[in-house]
C-alpha atoms as a PDB file:
ATOM      1  CA  ARG A   1       4.294   0.539 -14.162  1.00  0.00           C
ATOM      2  CA  ILE A   2       4.230   1.630 -10.629  1.00  0.00           C
ATOM      3  CA  LEU A   3       1.111   3.088  -8.812  1.00  0.00           C
ATOM      4  CA  MET A   4       1.930   6.007  -6.565  1.00  0.00           C
ATOM      5  CA  VAL A   5      -0.211   8.411  -4.636  1.00  0.00           C
ATOM      6  CA  ARG A   6       0.478  12.029  -3.830  1.00  0.00           C
ATOM      7  CA  HIS A   7       0.031  13.214  -0.367  1.00  0.00           C
ATOM      8  CA  TYR A   8      -0.200  16.889  -0.431  1.00  0.00           C
ATOM      9  CA  ARG A   9      -1.000  19.684   2.016  1.00  0.00           C
ATOM     10  CA  GLU A  10      -0.131  23.242   1.023  1.00  0.00           C
ATOM     11  CA  GLY A  11       2.985  24.521   3.035  1.00  0.00           C
ATOM     12  CA  ARG A  12       3.170  21.266   5.031  1.00  0.00           C
ATOM     13  CA  TYR A  13       3.959  18.391   2.840  1.00  0.00           C
ATOM     14  CA  ASP A  14       4.209  17.148  -0.864  1.00  0.00           C
ATOM     15  CA  PHE A  15       5.224  13.539  -1.419  1.00  0.00           C
ATOM     16  CA  TRP A  16       4.272  10.464  -3.451  1.00  0.00           C
ATOM     17  CA  VAL A  17       3.948   6.801  -2.137  1.00  0.00           C
ATOM     18  CA  ALA A  18       2.640   3.583  -2.979  1.00  0.00           C
ATOM     19  CA  PRO A  19      -0.841   3.086  -1.687  1.00  0.00           C
ATOM     20  CA  GLY A  20      -0.626   1.323   1.539  1.00  0.00           C
ATOM     21  CA  GLY A  21      -2.055   0.835   5.089  1.00  0.00           C
ATOM     22  CA  GLY A  22      -2.865  -1.810   7.471  1.00  0.00           C
ATOM     23  CA  VAL A  23      -4.449  -5.149   7.242  1.00  0.00           C
ATOM     24  CA  CYS A  24      -7.863  -5.194   8.948  1.00  0.00           C
ATOM     25  CA  PRO A  25      -8.934  -8.077  11.327  1.00  0.00           C
ATOM     26  CA  GLY A  26      -9.931 -11.121   9.318  1.00  0.00           C
ATOM     27  CA  GLU A  27      -8.355  -9.819   6.257  1.00  0.00           C
ATOM     28  CA  ASP A  28      -5.471 -11.335   4.150  1.00  0.00           C
ATOM     29  CA  ALA A  29      -2.812  -9.352   2.677  1.00  0.00           C
ATOM     30  CA  ARG A  30      -3.741  -9.552  -0.693  1.00  0.00           C
ATOM     31  CA  SER A  31      -7.257  -8.356   0.033  1.00  0.00           C
ATOM     32  CA  ALA A  32      -5.849  -5.448   2.077  1.00  0.00           C
ATOM     33  CA  SER A  33      -3.592  -4.589  -1.015  1.00  0.00           C
ATOM     34  CA  ALA A  34      -6.723  -4.347  -3.320  1.00  0.00           C
ATOM     35  CA  ARG A  35      -8.690  -2.493  -0.812  1.00  0.00           C
ATOM     36  CA  GLU A  36      -5.942   0.217  -0.183  1.00  0.00           C
ATOM     37  CA  ALA A  37      -5.399   0.517  -3.930  1.00  0.00           C
ATOM     38  CA  PHE A  38      -9.084   1.514  -4.265  1.00  0.00           C
ATOM     39  CA  GLU A  39      -9.405   3.652  -1.234  1.00  0.00           C
ATOM     40  CA  GLU A  40      -6.146   5.654  -2.058  1.00  0.00           C
ATOM     41  CA  ALA A  41      -6.295   5.737  -5.941  1.00  0.00           C
ATOM     42  CA  GLY A  42      -9.781   4.757  -6.868  1.00  0.00           C
ATOM     43  CA  ILE A  43      -8.590   1.754  -8.892  1.00  0.00           C
ATOM     44  CA  GLU A  44      -9.505  -1.917  -8.760  1.00  0.00           C
ATOM     45  CA  VAL A  45      -6.666  -4.422  -8.825  1.00  0.00           C
ATOM     46  CA  ARG A  46      -6.161  -8.013  -8.417  1.00  0.00           C
ATOM     47  CA  PRO A  47      -2.857  -8.865  -6.446  1.00  0.00           C
ATOM     48  CA  LEU A  48      -1.033 -11.522  -8.530  1.00  0.00           C
ATOM     49  CA  LYS A  49       2.126 -12.265  -6.645  1.00  0.00           C
ATOM     50  CA  LEU A  50       4.288 -10.901  -3.794  1.00  0.00           C
ATOM     51  CA  ALA A  51       7.202  -8.785  -5.174  1.00  0.00           C
ATOM     52  CA  ALA A  52       8.925  -7.878  -2.013  1.00  0.00           C
ATOM     53  CA  VAL A  53       8.792  -7.745   1.808  1.00  0.00           C
ATOM     54  CA  GLU A  54      10.218  -4.677   3.419  1.00  0.00           C
ATOM     55  CA  GLU A  55      11.210  -4.816   7.002  1.00  0.00           C
ATOM     56  CA  LEU A  56      10.378  -1.710   9.194  1.00  0.00           C
ATOM     57  CA  GLU A  57      11.735  -0.983  12.651  1.00  0.00           C
ATOM     58  CA  ASN A  58      11.894   1.799  14.997  1.00  0.00           C
ATOM     59  CA  PRO A  59      12.219   2.252  18.714  1.00  0.00           C
ATOM     60  CA  GLU A  60       8.362   2.116  19.330  1.00  0.00           C
ATOM     61  CA  GLU A  61       7.503  -0.831  16.855  1.00  0.00           C
ATOM     62  CA  LYS A  62       8.469  -3.278  14.336  1.00  0.00           C
ATOM     63  CA  GLY A  63       6.525  -4.308  11.119  1.00  0.00           C
ATOM     64  CA  CYS A  64       6.616  -5.263   7.574  1.00  0.00           C
ATOM     65  CA  LYS A  65       5.418  -3.857   4.334  1.00  0.00           C
ATOM     66  CA  LEU A  66       4.367  -6.184   1.656  1.00  0.00           C
ATOM     67  CA  TRP A  67       4.707  -5.245  -2.005  1.00  0.00           C
ATOM     68  CA  PHE A  68       2.361  -6.950  -4.522  1.00  0.00           C
ATOM     69  CA  HIS A  69       2.521  -7.204  -8.376  1.00  0.00           C
ATOM     70  CA  CYS A  70      -1.166  -6.503  -9.496  1.00  0.00           C
ATOM     71  CA  GLU A  71      -3.255  -6.224 -12.662  1.00  0.00           C
ATOM     72  CA  MET A  72      -5.887  -3.455 -13.052  1.00  0.00           C
ATOM     73  CA  THR A  73      -9.551  -5.221 -13.165  1.00  0.00           C
END
């Protein structure tokens, strides 16, 4: 299963994405993953292992997105 969150605003946008966001200062990537799943989908998960690393780049910034296999707790 893949958890997706719907972002919808009538007449403006309607799309589905995985929960995500930034890592807070002092927070590790696994903790951020669990926090974002709860904030965006209301479920508690335990990240198990890193599934993929997606590199992101545009003229203004570079970054990466980390994808985790998780289990619901």
